[in-house]
Amino acid sequence: MTQDDRELQEVMNQLSLLEPGPGDVPKPASRALAEVQRQIHAPRSTPLHTFWRSFFANSNRRMATAVALLTLVFAFALSFPSVRAAASDFLGLFRVQKFAAIAISPQQLAVLSRIAEEGLMPGEIEVLSEPGATHSVASLQDAAQAAAMDRVRTPSLLGDADTVFVMDGGQARLTLDLEGVREILTMAGADPSLLPDSLDGTQVDVVVYAGIELDWDDGTWLVQMPSPLVTYPEDLNYVMLGEALLQALGMSPDEAARLAQQVDWTSTLLLPIPQSTANFNEVNINGSSGLALSSLDDDYGAVIWQQDGILYLLSGQGSVNELIRLANSVR
C-alpha cells in the first residue's frame, strides 16, 4: 500500500466515526411532535419559580450558598415588624416593609461558600405545603383570581405582557438548632455568643402566598405577590441577632454593633449583595422605599419594593434608571 493509499484509508476510518448508528435513527413524526408538545406544556422554570424554591429548599439538600442560608435564618426570621397576634400565643407576626442592602466582599463570599459546601444547616426545615408549579394563564383577570389578589398591577409605560404566569403559595417551618447556627457563625468569623441559649428549638413559620409574573418579549419581567408572613416567638432579641448576621456578612464587631442599633429591624429586610455581582442604591418607588440593583456593566438591572402589602420585583436589560422609570409607572 502506497503512502497515498494509507493516508486515504486513514481519512476513511475517521469519516466512518460519523456514520449514523442505531441510536441516530430519526424518530417517527408522531413521537417527535408529542415530545415538542410536552415541552411546550411542561411547567416553566420562571424567575418566580426560582424565587419560590429558594424559600422551600429540601432539608436534605445543600443550599447553593451560605448567603441563602443566612438569609433564611436571619433575614426572614428577624427583619419584619413584631406585633402580638394573640395574648395567649405570645407570637410575633411580621411582614417586610422596606429594604436595605449590604455589600459582601469576594473574600467573605468565598468563606460563606465553603460553609455551604460543608452542608451545615441551621436546623430542621419542614415543608408543610409544597409550592405549586408555575403555570400560564390566559389573562390578568385569570391571574388575579388564581392568586387571590384584587387585581394585577402593570407598568403603564409598557404594553400588555406577552405571557402571564401564576404559582401557588407554600408554607414551611424552620426549627433552629443552636449548635448548628453557632457553628455557621464561627466559620463565618462572627461571634457565636451573640446567640442566647433560649434560641435553641425556636420555631419560625414562613407562609409564602401565590404570586404573579408578567413577561415581555424584550426580557422585562415583573413579579408581584403579597408579602410573606412569618411568625416567631416574641421574646427574640432581633437587634442582637441582626448584629450576628452583620458580622457573618463580613462586618467588624464594632461596625456590626453600631449598624445593628441603627437599622430598624422591625420593618427592614436586609439583602446581602456580592460586590462582584451588582451595584445597588436605595430608591423611592411611588412613595415607598425600594432598592435598585444593576450589573457592573449596567446591562441588566432590577428594582424591588413594597407597596400596600405587595412585594414587587421588576427586572430586565438596559439601564437601571429606565427600570426605575417603569417601576414608578406600575399602577
C-alpha atoms as a PDB file:
ATOM      1  CA  MET A   1       0.000   0.000   0.000  1.00  0.00           C
ATOM      2  CA  THR A   2       1.397   3.329  -1.047  1.00  0.00           C
ATOM      3  CA  GLN A   3       1.685   6.369   1.219  1.00  0.00           C
ATOM      4  CA  ASP A   4      -1.277   7.961  -0.576  1.00  0.00           C
ATOM      5  CA  ASP A   5      -3.342   4.816  -0.055  1.00  0.00           C
ATOM      6  CA  ARG A   6      -2.523   4.799   3.647  1.00  0.00           C
ATOM      7  CA  GLU A   7      -3.496   8.459   4.021  1.00  0.00           C
ATOM      8  CA  LEU A   8      -6.753   7.837   2.142  1.00  0.00           C
ATOM      9  CA  GLN A   9      -7.534   4.859   4.370  1.00  0.00           C
ATOM     10  CA  GLU A  10      -6.912   6.937   7.488  1.00  0.00           C
ATOM     11  CA  VAL A  11      -9.329   9.602   6.262  1.00  0.00           C
ATOM     12  CA  MET A  12     -11.980   6.968   5.553  1.00  0.00           C
ATOM     13  CA  ASN A  13     -11.516   5.491   9.030  1.00  0.00           C
ATOM     14  CA  GLN A  14     -12.085   8.927  10.585  1.00  0.00           C
ATOM     15  CA  LEU A  15     -15.167   9.551   8.470  1.00  0.00           C
ATOM     16  CA  SER A  16     -16.623   6.203   9.473  1.00  0.00           C
ATOM     17  CA  LEU A  17     -16.926   7.518  13.025  1.00  0.00           C
ATOM     18  CA  LEU A  18     -19.587   9.921  11.771  1.00  0.00           C
ATOM     19  CA  GLU A  19     -21.726   7.145  10.333  1.00  0.00           C
ATOM     20  CA  PRO A  20     -25.185   7.121  11.992  1.00  0.00           C
ATOM     21  CA  GLY A  21     -25.773   4.299  14.426  1.00  0.00           C
ATOM     22  CA  PRO A  22     -28.962   2.618  15.685  1.00  0.00           C
ATOM     23  CA  GLY A  23     -29.458   5.429  18.218  1.00  0.00           C
ATOM     24  CA  ASP A  24     -29.385   8.044  15.482  1.00  0.00           C
ATOM     25  CA  VAL A  25     -32.384   6.757  13.585  1.00  0.00           C
ATOM     26  CA  PRO A  26     -34.880   9.637  13.162  1.00  0.00           C
ATOM     27  CA  LYS A  27     -37.876   9.451  15.483  1.00  0.00           C
ATOM     28  CA  PRO A  28     -41.311   8.963  13.949  1.00  0.00           C
ATOM     29  CA  ALA A  29     -43.038  12.269  13.291  1.00  0.00           C
ATOM     30  CA  SER A  30     -45.837  11.493  15.771  1.00  0.00           C
ATOM     31  CA  ARG A  31     -43.347  10.797  18.569  1.00  0.00           C
ATOM     32  CA  ALA A  32     -41.315  13.930  17.829  1.00  0.00           C
ATOM     33  CA  LEU A  33     -44.483  16.036  17.840  1.00  0.00           C
ATOM     34  CA  ALA A  34     -45.546  14.559  21.187  1.00  0.00           C
ATOM     35  CA  GLU A  35     -42.201  15.441  22.759  1.00  0.00           C
ATOM     36  CA  VAL A  36     -42.412  19.018  21.497  1.00  0.00           C
ATOM     37  CA  GLN A  37     -45.919  19.359  22.909  1.00  0.00           C
ATOM     38  CA  ARG A  38     -44.769  18.025  26.297  1.00  0.00           C
ATOM     39  CA  GLN A  39     -42.014  20.636  26.393  1.00  0.00           C
ATOM     40  CA  ILE A  40     -44.439  23.411  25.485  1.00  0.00           C
ATOM     41  CA  HIS A  41     -46.941  22.482  28.182  1.00  0.00           C
ATOM     42  CA  ALA A  42     -44.444  21.474  30.864  1.00  0.00           C
ATOM     43  CA  PRO A  43     -44.251  23.729  33.952  1.00  0.00           C
ATOM     44  CA  ARG A  44     -41.877  26.574  33.147  1.00  0.00           C
ATOM     45  CA  SER A  45     -38.952  27.430  35.417  1.00  0.00           C
ATOM     46  CA  THR A  46     -39.535  31.162  35.584  1.00  0.00           C
ATOM     47  CA  PRO A  47     -37.740  33.687  37.821  1.00  0.00           C
ATOM     48  CA  LEU A  48     -40.755  33.488  40.112  1.00  0.00           C
ATOM     49  CA  HIS A  49     -40.453  29.705  40.311  1.00  0.00           C
ATOM     50  CA  THR A  50     -36.769  30.012  41.260  1.00  0.00           C
ATOM     51  CA  PHE A  51     -37.697  32.603  43.893  1.00  0.00           C
ATOM     52  CA  TRP A  52     -40.243  30.268  45.440  1.00  0.00           C
ATOM     53  CA  ARG A  53     -37.904  27.298  45.534  1.00  0.00           C
ATOM     54  CA  SER A  54     -35.277  29.348  47.388  1.00  0.00           C
ATOM     55  CA  PHE A  55     -37.766  29.626  50.273  1.00  0.00           C
ATOM     56  CA  PHE A  56     -38.520  25.935  50.476  1.00  0.00           C
ATOM     57  CA  ALA A  57     -35.257  24.057  49.901  1.00  0.00           C
ATOM     58  CA  ASN A  58     -35.441  20.390  50.828  1.00  0.00           C
ATOM     59  CA  SER A  59     -33.988  19.867  54.282  1.00  0.00           C
ATOM     60  CA  ASN A  60     -31.606  17.215  52.925  1.00  0.00           C
ATOM     61  CA  ARG A  61     -30.329  19.418  50.119  1.00  0.00           C
ATOM     62  CA  ARG A  62     -27.228  21.564  50.493  1.00  0.00           C
ATOM     63  CA  MET A  63     -28.021  25.186  49.963  1.00  0.00           C
ATOM     64  CA  ALA A  64     -26.280  26.672  46.987  1.00  0.00           C
ATOM     65  CA  THR A  65     -24.517  29.300  49.075  1.00  0.00           C
ATOM     66  CA  ALA A  66     -24.351  30.216  52.720  1.00  0.00           C
ATOM     67  CA  VAL A  67     -25.709  33.618  51.789  1.00  0.00           C
ATOM     68  CA  ALA A  68     -29.067  31.983  51.092  1.00  0.00           C
ATOM     69  CA  LEU A  69     -28.770  30.011  54.306  1.00  0.00           C
ATOM     70  CA  LEU A  70     -28.055  33.080  56.412  1.00  0.00           C
ATOM     71  CA  THR A  71     -30.864  34.987  54.747  1.00  0.00           C
ATOM     72  CA  LEU A  72     -33.254  32.180  55.623  1.00  0.00           C
ATOM     73  CA  VAL A  73     -32.089  32.030  59.244  1.00  0.00           C
ATOM     74  CA  PHE A  74     -31.904  35.721  59.995  1.00  0.00           C
ATOM     75  CA  ALA A  75     -33.435  37.993  57.380  1.00  0.00           C
ATOM     76  CA  PHE A  76     -36.803  36.264  57.243  1.00  0.00           C
ATOM     77  CA  ALA A  77     -36.766  35.470  60.946  1.00  0.00           C
ATOM     78  CA  LEU A  78     -35.786  38.892  62.189  1.00  0.00           C
ATOM     79  CA  SER A  79     -36.436  41.635  59.656  1.00  0.00           C
ATOM     80  CA  PHE A  80     -40.182  42.132  59.963  1.00  0.00           C
ATOM     81  CA  PRO A  81     -42.335  44.228  62.344  1.00  0.00           C
ATOM     82  CA  SER A  82     -43.111  42.437  65.625  1.00  0.00           C
ATOM     83  CA  VAL A  83     -46.796  42.509  66.563  1.00  0.00           C
ATOM     84  CA  ARG A  84     -48.667  40.491  69.216  1.00  0.00           C
ATOM     85  CA  ALA A  85     -51.020  38.151  67.355  1.00  0.00           C
ATOM     86  CA  ALA A  86     -52.937  36.867  70.339  1.00  0.00           C
ATOM     87  CA  ALA A  87     -52.410  37.334  74.072  1.00  0.00           C
ATOM     88  CA  SER A  88     -52.420  33.589  74.640  1.00  0.00           C
ATOM     89  CA  ASP A  89     -49.929  32.757  71.894  1.00  0.00           C
ATOM     90  CA  PHE A  90     -47.182  35.342  72.534  1.00  0.00           C
ATOM     91  CA  LEU A  91     -46.122  35.266  68.898  1.00  0.00           C
ATOM     92  CA  GLY A  92     -44.635  37.923  66.678  1.00  0.00           C
ATOM     93  CA  LEU A  93     -46.178  38.441  63.253  1.00  0.00           C
ATOM     94  CA  PHE A  94     -44.123  40.318  60.710  1.00  0.00           C
ATOM     95  CA  ARG A  95     -44.050  41.331  57.072  1.00  0.00           C
ATOM     96  CA  VAL A  96     -41.442  43.241  55.119  1.00  0.00           C
ATOM     97  CA  GLN A  97     -41.988  46.995  54.809  1.00  0.00           C
ATOM     98  CA  LYS A  98     -38.735  48.292  53.363  1.00  0.00           C
ATOM     99  CA  PHE A  99     -35.353  47.090  52.146  1.00  0.00           C
ATOM    100  CA  ALA A 100     -31.680  47.677  52.818  1.00  0.00           C
ATOM    101  CA  ALA A 101     -28.610  46.077  51.265  1.00  0.00           C
ATOM    102  CA  ILE A 102     -25.121  45.221  52.424  1.00  0.00           C
ATOM    103  CA  ALA A 103     -22.194  44.536  50.114  1.00  0.00           C
ATOM    104  CA  ILE A 104     -20.317  41.264  50.609  1.00  0.00           C
ATOM    105  CA  SER A 105     -16.655  41.128  49.651  1.00  0.00           C
ATOM    106  CA  PRO A 106     -15.386  38.324  47.386  1.00  0.00           C
ATOM    107  CA  GLN A 107     -13.313  37.066  50.311  1.00  0.00           C
ATOM    108  CA  GLN A 108     -16.297  36.781  52.636  1.00  0.00           C
ATOM    109  CA  LEU A 109     -18.386  35.272  49.885  1.00  0.00           C
ATOM    110  CA  ALA A 110     -15.746  32.576  49.481  1.00  0.00           C
ATOM    111  CA  VAL A 111     -15.944  31.879  53.219  1.00  0.00           C
ATOM    112  CA  LEU A 112     -19.717  31.574  53.062  1.00  0.00           C
ATOM    113  CA  SER A 113     -19.476  29.318  50.015  1.00  0.00           C
ATOM    114  CA  ARG A 114     -17.127  26.996  51.910  1.00  0.00           C
ATOM    115  CA  ILE A 115     -19.662  26.840  54.736  1.00  0.00           C
ATOM    116  CA  ALA A 116     -22.338  25.825  52.240  1.00  0.00           C
ATOM    117  CA  GLU A 117     -20.069  23.126  50.815  1.00  0.00           C
ATOM    118  CA  GLU A 118     -19.807  21.660  54.316  1.00  0.00           C
ATOM    119  CA  GLY A 119     -23.546  21.102  54.193  1.00  0.00           C
ATOM    120  CA  LEU A 120     -24.165  22.865  57.505  1.00  0.00           C
ATOM    121  CA  MET A 121     -27.810  23.518  58.295  1.00  0.00           C
ATOM    122  CA  PRO A 122     -29.339  25.977  60.775  1.00  0.00           C
ATOM    123  CA  GLY A 123     -31.872  23.403  61.873  1.00  0.00           C
ATOM    124  CA  GLU A 124     -34.662  21.252  60.543  1.00  0.00           C
ATOM    125  CA  ILE A 125     -36.707  22.602  57.640  1.00  0.00           C
ATOM    126  CA  GLU A 126     -40.152  21.039  57.342  1.00  0.00           C
ATOM    127  CA  VAL A 127     -42.149  21.772  54.213  1.00  0.00           C
ATOM    128  CA  LEU A 128     -45.769  21.920  55.345  1.00  0.00           C
ATOM    129  CA  SER A 129     -47.172  22.829  51.949  1.00  0.00           C
ATOM    130  CA  GLU A 130     -45.134  22.384  48.788  1.00  0.00           C
ATOM    131  CA  PRO A 131     -45.313  25.408  46.481  1.00  0.00           C
ATOM    132  CA  GLY A 132     -47.113  24.632  43.265  1.00  0.00           C
ATOM    133  CA  ALA A 133     -45.672  24.606  39.790  1.00  0.00           C
ATOM    134  CA  THR A 134     -45.686  27.794  37.742  1.00  0.00           C
ATOM    135  CA  HIS A 135     -48.379  27.734  35.071  1.00  0.00           C
ATOM    136  CA  SER A 136     -49.501  30.170  32.415  1.00  0.00           C
ATOM    137  CA  VAL A 137     -52.941  31.786  32.382  1.00  0.00           C
ATOM    138  CA  ALA A 138     -54.864  33.486  29.614  1.00  0.00           C
ATOM    139  CA  SER A 139     -55.465  36.912  31.156  1.00  0.00           C
ATOM    140  CA  LEU A 140     -54.698  39.281  34.008  1.00  0.00           C
ATOM    141  CA  GLN A 141     -58.169  38.626  35.380  1.00  0.00           C
ATOM    142  CA  ASP A 142     -57.473  34.882  35.483  1.00  0.00           C
ATOM    143  CA  ALA A 143     -54.142  35.569  37.205  1.00  0.00           C
ATOM    144  CA  ALA A 144     -55.719  37.764  39.878  1.00  0.00           C
ATOM    145  CA  GLN A 145     -58.380  35.156  40.568  1.00  0.00           C
ATOM    146  CA  ALA A 146     -55.874  32.287  40.750  1.00  0.00           C
ATOM    147  CA  ALA A 147     -53.568  34.233  43.085  1.00  0.00           C
ATOM    148  CA  ALA A 148     -56.437  35.560  45.218  1.00  0.00           C
ATOM    149  CA  MET A 149     -55.362  39.160  44.573  1.00  0.00           C
ATOM    150  CA  ASP A 150     -57.781  42.013  43.928  1.00  0.00           C
ATOM    151  CA  ARG A 151     -56.066  42.912  40.672  1.00  0.00           C
ATOM    152  CA  VAL A 152     -52.765  42.769  38.783  1.00  0.00           C
ATOM    153  CA  ARG A 153     -50.633  45.909  38.641  1.00  0.00           C
ATOM    154  CA  THR A 154     -48.781  46.623  35.394  1.00  0.00           C
ATOM    155  CA  PRO A 155     -46.352  49.330  34.210  1.00  0.00           C
ATOM    156  CA  SER A 156     -48.386  51.885  32.277  1.00  0.00           C
ATOM    157  CA  LEU A 157     -45.311  52.634  30.163  1.00  0.00           C
ATOM    158  CA  LEU A 158     -45.314  49.087  28.767  1.00  0.00           C
ATOM    159  CA  GLY A 159     -47.886  47.394  26.620  1.00  0.00           C
ATOM    160  CA  ASP A 160     -49.709  44.223  27.548  1.00  0.00           C
ATOM    161  CA  ALA A 161     -47.485  41.425  28.847  1.00  0.00           C
ATOM    162  CA  ASP A 162     -46.744  38.710  26.311  1.00  0.00           C
ATOM    163  CA  THR A 163     -47.180  35.932  28.874  1.00  0.00           C
ATOM    164  CA  VAL A 164     -48.740  35.744  32.344  1.00  0.00           C
ATOM    165  CA  PHE A 165     -47.785  33.134  34.943  1.00  0.00           C
ATOM    166  CA  VAL A 166     -49.186  32.191  38.355  1.00  0.00           C
ATOM    167  CA  MET A 167     -47.719  29.988  41.048  1.00  0.00           C
ATOM    168  CA  ASP A 168     -49.437  28.733  44.169  1.00  0.00           C
ATOM    169  CA  GLY A 169     -48.064  29.528  47.588  1.00  0.00           C
ATOM    170  CA  GLY A 170     -46.468  27.286  50.170  1.00  0.00           C
ATOM    171  CA  GLN A 171     -45.597  27.003  53.833  1.00  0.00           C
ATOM    172  CA  ALA A 172     -42.529  25.821  55.749  1.00  0.00           C
ATOM    173  CA  ARG A 173     -41.296  25.627  59.336  1.00  0.00           C
ATOM    174  CA  LEU A 174     -37.715  26.083  60.490  1.00  0.00           C
ATOM    175  CA  THR A 175     -36.776  24.647  63.897  1.00  0.00           C
ATOM    176  CA  LEU A 176     -33.468  26.255  64.811  1.00  0.00           C
ATOM    177  CA  ASP A 177     -30.563  24.118  66.016  1.00  0.00           C
ATOM    178  CA  LEU A 178     -28.462  26.450  68.192  1.00  0.00           C
ATOM    179  CA  GLU A 179     -25.321  24.344  67.890  1.00  0.00           C
ATOM    180  CA  GLY A 180     -25.575  24.323  64.107  1.00  0.00           C
ATOM    181  CA  VAL A 181     -26.223  28.051  63.842  1.00  0.00           C
ATOM    182  CA  ARG A 182     -23.308  28.819  66.196  1.00  0.00           C
ATOM    183  CA  GLU A 183     -21.022  26.635  64.099  1.00  0.00           C
ATOM    184  CA  ILE A 184     -22.064  28.547  60.987  1.00  0.00           C
ATOM    185  CA  LEU A 185     -21.352  31.866  62.697  1.00  0.00           C
ATOM    186  CA  THR A 186     -17.959  30.665  63.934  1.00  0.00           C
ATOM    187  CA  MET A 187     -16.892  29.553  60.468  1.00  0.00           C
ATOM    188  CA  ALA A 188     -18.110  32.897  59.069  1.00  0.00           C
ATOM    189  CA  GLY A 189     -15.955  34.800  61.566  1.00  0.00           C
ATOM    190  CA  ALA A 190     -18.880  36.004  63.695  1.00  0.00           C
ATOM    191  CA  ASP A 191     -19.255  35.842  67.463  1.00  0.00           C
ATOM    192  CA  PRO A 192     -21.399  32.781  68.301  1.00  0.00           C
ATOM    193  CA  SER A 193     -22.012  34.050  71.832  1.00  0.00           C
ATOM    194  CA  LEU A 194     -24.373  36.663  70.389  1.00  0.00           C
ATOM    195  CA  LEU A 195     -26.969  33.913  70.167  1.00  0.00           C
ATOM    196  CA  PRO A 196     -28.682  33.137  73.503  1.00  0.00           C
ATOM    197  CA  ASP A 197     -29.296  29.574  74.680  1.00  0.00           C
ATOM    198  CA  SER A 198     -33.034  30.264  74.527  1.00  0.00           C
ATOM    199  CA  LEU A 199     -32.821  30.306  70.723  1.00  0.00           C
ATOM    200  CA  ASP A 200     -32.376  26.523  70.593  1.00  0.00           C
ATOM    201  CA  GLY A 201     -35.509  24.826  69.293  1.00  0.00           C
ATOM    202  CA  THR A 202     -37.145  28.103  68.288  1.00  0.00           C
ATOM    203  CA  GLN A 203     -39.677  27.609  65.516  1.00  0.00           C
ATOM    204  CA  VAL A 204     -40.079  30.072  62.668  1.00  0.00           C
ATOM    205  CA  ASP A 205     -43.065  29.564  60.354  1.00  0.00           C
ATOM    206  CA  VAL A 206     -42.981  31.054  56.862  1.00  0.00           C
ATOM    207  CA  VAL A 207     -46.065  31.380  54.668  1.00  0.00           C
ATOM    208  CA  VAL A 208     -45.474  32.460  51.085  1.00  0.00           C
ATOM    209  CA  TYR A 209     -48.556  33.452  49.135  1.00  0.00           C
ATOM    210  CA  ALA A 210     -49.384  32.890  45.485  1.00  0.00           C
ATOM    211  CA  GLY A 211     -47.634  35.267  43.115  1.00  0.00           C
ATOM    212  CA  ILE A 212     -47.954  36.539  39.571  1.00  0.00           C
ATOM    213  CA  GLU A 213     -45.263  37.026  36.950  1.00  0.00           C
ATOM    214  CA  LEU A 214     -45.664  39.117  33.810  1.00  0.00           C
ATOM    215  CA  ASP A 215     -43.160  38.566  30.987  1.00  0.00           C
ATOM    216  CA  TRP A 216     -42.437  40.730  27.957  1.00  0.00           C
ATOM    217  CA  ASP A 217     -40.586  39.506  24.885  1.00  0.00           C
ATOM    218  CA  ASP A 218     -37.841  42.115  25.350  1.00  0.00           C
ATOM    219  CA  GLY A 219     -36.703  40.326  28.520  1.00  0.00           C
ATOM    220  CA  THR A 220     -38.518  42.522  31.042  1.00  0.00           C
ATOM    221  CA  TRP A 221     -40.478  40.744  33.759  1.00  0.00           C
ATOM    222  CA  LEU A 222     -42.467  41.835  36.802  1.00  0.00           C
ATOM    223  CA  VAL A 223     -43.225  39.662  39.838  1.00  0.00           C
ATOM    224  CA  GLN A 224     -45.837  40.680  42.417  1.00  0.00           C
ATOM    225  CA  MET A 225     -47.091  38.852  45.485  1.00  0.00           C
ATOM    226  CA  PRO A 226     -48.397  39.590  48.971  1.00  0.00           C
ATOM    227  CA  SER A 227     -45.599  39.966  51.482  1.00  0.00           C
ATOM    228  CA  PRO A 228     -44.643  36.602  53.045  1.00  0.00           C
ATOM    229  CA  LEU A 229     -45.958  36.111  56.578  1.00  0.00           C
ATOM    230  CA  VAL A 230     -43.554  34.929  59.282  1.00  0.00           C
ATOM    231  CA  THR A 231     -44.339  34.033  62.891  1.00  0.00           C
ATOM    232  CA  TYR A 232     -41.753  33.626  65.632  1.00  0.00           C
ATOM    233  CA  PRO A 233     -41.506  33.790  69.462  1.00  0.00           C
ATOM    234  CA  GLU A 234     -41.993  37.376  70.519  1.00  0.00           C
ATOM    235  CA  ASP A 235     -39.121  37.460  73.014  1.00  0.00           C
ATOM    236  CA  LEU A 236     -36.404  37.073  70.347  1.00  0.00           C
ATOM    237  CA  ASN A 237     -33.734  39.794  70.610  1.00  0.00           C
ATOM    238  CA  TYR A 238     -33.677  40.714  66.932  1.00  0.00           C
ATOM    239  CA  VAL A 239     -31.124  43.531  67.437  1.00  0.00           C
ATOM    240  CA  MET A 240     -28.582  41.079  68.831  1.00  0.00           C
ATOM    241  CA  LEU A 241     -29.339  38.544  66.124  1.00  0.00           C
ATOM    242  CA  GLY A 242     -29.091  41.261  63.491  1.00  0.00           C
ATOM    243  CA  GLU A 243     -25.629  42.074  64.851  1.00  0.00           C
ATOM    244  CA  ALA A 244     -24.663  38.409  64.431  1.00  0.00           C
ATOM    245  CA  LEU A 245     -25.931  38.481  60.833  1.00  0.00           C
ATOM    246  CA  LEU A 246     -23.907  41.613  60.025  1.00  0.00           C
ATOM    247  CA  GLN A 247     -20.759  40.015  61.418  1.00  0.00           C
ATOM    248  CA  ALA A 248     -21.389  36.858  59.388  1.00  0.00           C
ATOM    249  CA  LEU A 249     -21.674  39.014  56.270  1.00  0.00           C
ATOM    250  CA  GLY A 250     -18.199  40.415  56.860  1.00  0.00           C
ATOM    251  CA  MET A 251     -18.580  43.457  59.135  1.00  0.00           C
ATOM    252  CA  SER A 252     -16.207  44.011  62.023  1.00  0.00           C
ATOM    253  CA  PRO A 253     -17.700  43.592  65.524  1.00  0.00           C
ATOM    254  CA  ASP A 254     -17.648  47.353  66.129  1.00  0.00           C
ATOM    255  CA  GLU A 255     -19.277  48.150  62.771  1.00  0.00           C
ATOM    256  CA  ALA A 256     -21.888  45.429  63.225  1.00  0.00           C
ATOM    257  CA  ALA A 257     -22.780  46.625  66.736  1.00  0.00           C
ATOM    258  CA  ARG A 258     -23.161  50.217  65.547  1.00  0.00           C
ATOM    259  CA  LEU A 259     -25.250  49.406  62.476  1.00  0.00           C
ATOM    260  CA  ALA A 260     -27.416  46.886  64.328  1.00  0.00           C
ATOM    261  CA  GLN A 261     -28.560  49.719  66.596  1.00  0.00           C
ATOM    262  CA  GLN A 262     -29.297  51.985  63.621  1.00  0.00           C
ATOM    263  CA  VAL A 263     -31.249  49.538  61.459  1.00  0.00           C
ATOM    264  CA  ASP A 264     -34.959  49.344  62.145  1.00  0.00           C
ATOM    265  CA  TRP A 265     -35.114  45.571  62.336  1.00  0.00           C
ATOM    266  CA  THR A 266     -38.861  45.710  62.936  1.00  0.00           C
ATOM    267  CA  SER A 267     -39.537  46.735  59.341  1.00  0.00           C
ATOM    268  CA  THR A 268     -36.370  46.316  57.249  1.00  0.00           C
ATOM    269  CA  LEU A 269     -35.364  43.294  55.183  1.00  0.00           C
ATOM    270  CA  LEU A 270     -31.589  43.179  54.780  1.00  0.00           C
ATOM    271  CA  LEU A 271     -30.391  41.798  51.445  1.00  0.00           C
ATOM    272  CA  PRO A 272     -26.759  40.634  51.039  1.00  0.00           C
ATOM    273  CA  ILE A 273     -25.335  41.671  47.633  1.00  0.00           C
ATOM    274  CA  PRO A 274     -21.939  40.319  46.442  1.00  0.00           C
ATOM    275  CA  GLN A 275     -19.632  43.154  45.394  1.00  0.00           C
ATOM    276  CA  SER A 276     -18.576  41.195  42.311  1.00  0.00           C
ATOM    277  CA  THR A 277     -22.158  40.882  41.087  1.00  0.00           C
ATOM    278  CA  ALA A 278     -24.008  44.183  41.240  1.00  0.00           C
ATOM    279  CA  ASN A 279     -24.171  47.776  42.373  1.00  0.00           C
ATOM    280  CA  PHE A 280     -27.129  48.951  44.438  1.00  0.00           C
ATOM    281  CA  ASN A 281     -28.745  52.040  45.883  1.00  0.00           C
ATOM    282  CA  GLU A 282     -31.908  52.932  47.744  1.00  0.00           C
ATOM    283  CA  VAL A 283     -34.736  54.376  45.653  1.00  0.00           C
ATOM    284  CA  ASN A 284     -38.233  55.734  46.141  1.00  0.00           C
ATOM    285  CA  ILE A 285     -40.902  53.981  44.084  1.00  0.00           C
ATOM    286  CA  ASN A 286     -44.351  55.534  44.152  1.00  0.00           C
ATOM    287  CA  GLY A 287     -43.625  56.924  47.611  1.00  0.00           C
ATOM    288  CA  SER A 288     -42.329  53.602  49.000  1.00  0.00           C
ATOM    289  CA  SER A 289     -38.819  52.532  49.954  1.00  0.00           C
ATOM    290  CA  GLY A 290     -37.067  50.230  47.499  1.00  0.00           C
ATOM    291  CA  LEU A 291     -33.745  49.012  46.156  1.00  0.00           C
ATOM    292  CA  ALA A 292     -32.308  49.301  42.662  1.00  0.00           C
ATOM    293  CA  LEU A 293     -29.641  46.829  41.582  1.00  0.00           C
ATOM    294  CA  SER A 294     -27.603  46.939  38.408  1.00  0.00           C
ATOM    295  CA  SER A 295     -24.972  44.677  36.925  1.00  0.00           C
ATOM    296  CA  LEU A 296     -21.430  46.014  36.977  1.00  0.00           C
ATOM    297  CA  ASP A 297     -21.635  46.752  33.238  1.00  0.00           C
ATOM    298  CA  ASP A 298     -25.095  48.342  33.685  1.00  0.00           C
ATOM    299  CA  ASP A 299     -26.535  45.999  31.055  1.00  0.00           C
ATOM    300  CA  TYR A 300     -29.023  44.354  33.410  1.00  0.00           C
ATOM    301  CA  GLY A 301     -30.873  45.533  36.491  1.00  0.00           C
ATOM    302  CA  ALA A 302     -33.687  45.026  38.948  1.00  0.00           C
ATOM    303  CA  VAL A 303     -35.881  47.097  41.245  1.00  0.00           C
ATOM    304  CA  ILE A 304     -37.542  45.663  44.355  1.00  0.00           C
ATOM    305  CA  TRP A 305     -40.073  47.478  46.515  1.00  0.00           C
ATOM    306  CA  GLN A 306     -43.133  47.019  48.718  1.00  0.00           C
ATOM    307  CA  GLN A 307     -46.364  48.936  48.446  1.00  0.00           C
ATOM    308  CA  ASP A 308     -49.689  48.351  50.215  1.00  0.00           C
ATOM    309  CA  GLY A 309     -48.607  44.916  51.407  1.00  0.00           C
ATOM    310  CA  ILE A 310     -47.495  43.731  47.947  1.00  0.00           C
ATOM    311  CA  LEU A 311     -43.878  42.945  47.054  1.00  0.00           C
ATOM    312  CA  TYR A 312     -42.729  43.857  43.541  1.00  0.00           C
ATOM    313  CA  LEU A 313     -39.644  42.779  41.637  1.00  0.00           C
ATOM    314  CA  LEU A 314     -39.091  44.346  38.219  1.00  0.00           C
ATOM    315  CA  SER A 315     -36.116  43.221  36.176  1.00  0.00           C
ATOM    316  CA  GLY A 316     -34.777  43.483  32.659  1.00  0.00           C
ATOM    317  CA  GLN A 317     -31.973  44.501  30.361  1.00  0.00           C
ATOM    318  CA  GLY A 318     -30.651  48.013  29.977  1.00  0.00           C
ATOM    319  CA  SER A 319     -30.179  50.947  32.311  1.00  0.00           C
ATOM    320  CA  VAL A 320     -31.458  50.668  35.856  1.00  0.00           C
ATOM    321  CA  ASN A 321     -32.733  54.245  35.504  1.00  0.00           C
ATOM    322  CA  GLU A 322     -35.162  53.039  32.855  1.00  0.00           C
ATOM    323  CA  LEU A 323     -36.323  50.259  35.184  1.00  0.00           C
ATOM    324  CA  ILE A 324     -36.902  52.819  37.942  1.00  0.00           C
ATOM    325  CA  ARG A 325     -38.999  54.835  35.496  1.00  0.00           C
ATOM    326  CA  LEU A 326     -41.016  51.712  34.626  1.00  0.00           C
ATOM    327  CA  ALA A 327     -41.408  50.820  38.312  1.00  0.00           C
ATOM    328  CA  ASN A 328     -42.828  54.246  39.056  1.00  0.00           C
ATOM    329  CA  SER A 329     -45.465  53.649  36.376  1.00  0.00           C
ATOM    330  CA  VAL A 330     -46.771  50.427  37.975  1.00  0.00           C
ATOM    331  CA  ARG A 331     -50.449  51.048  38.697  1.00  0.00           C
END
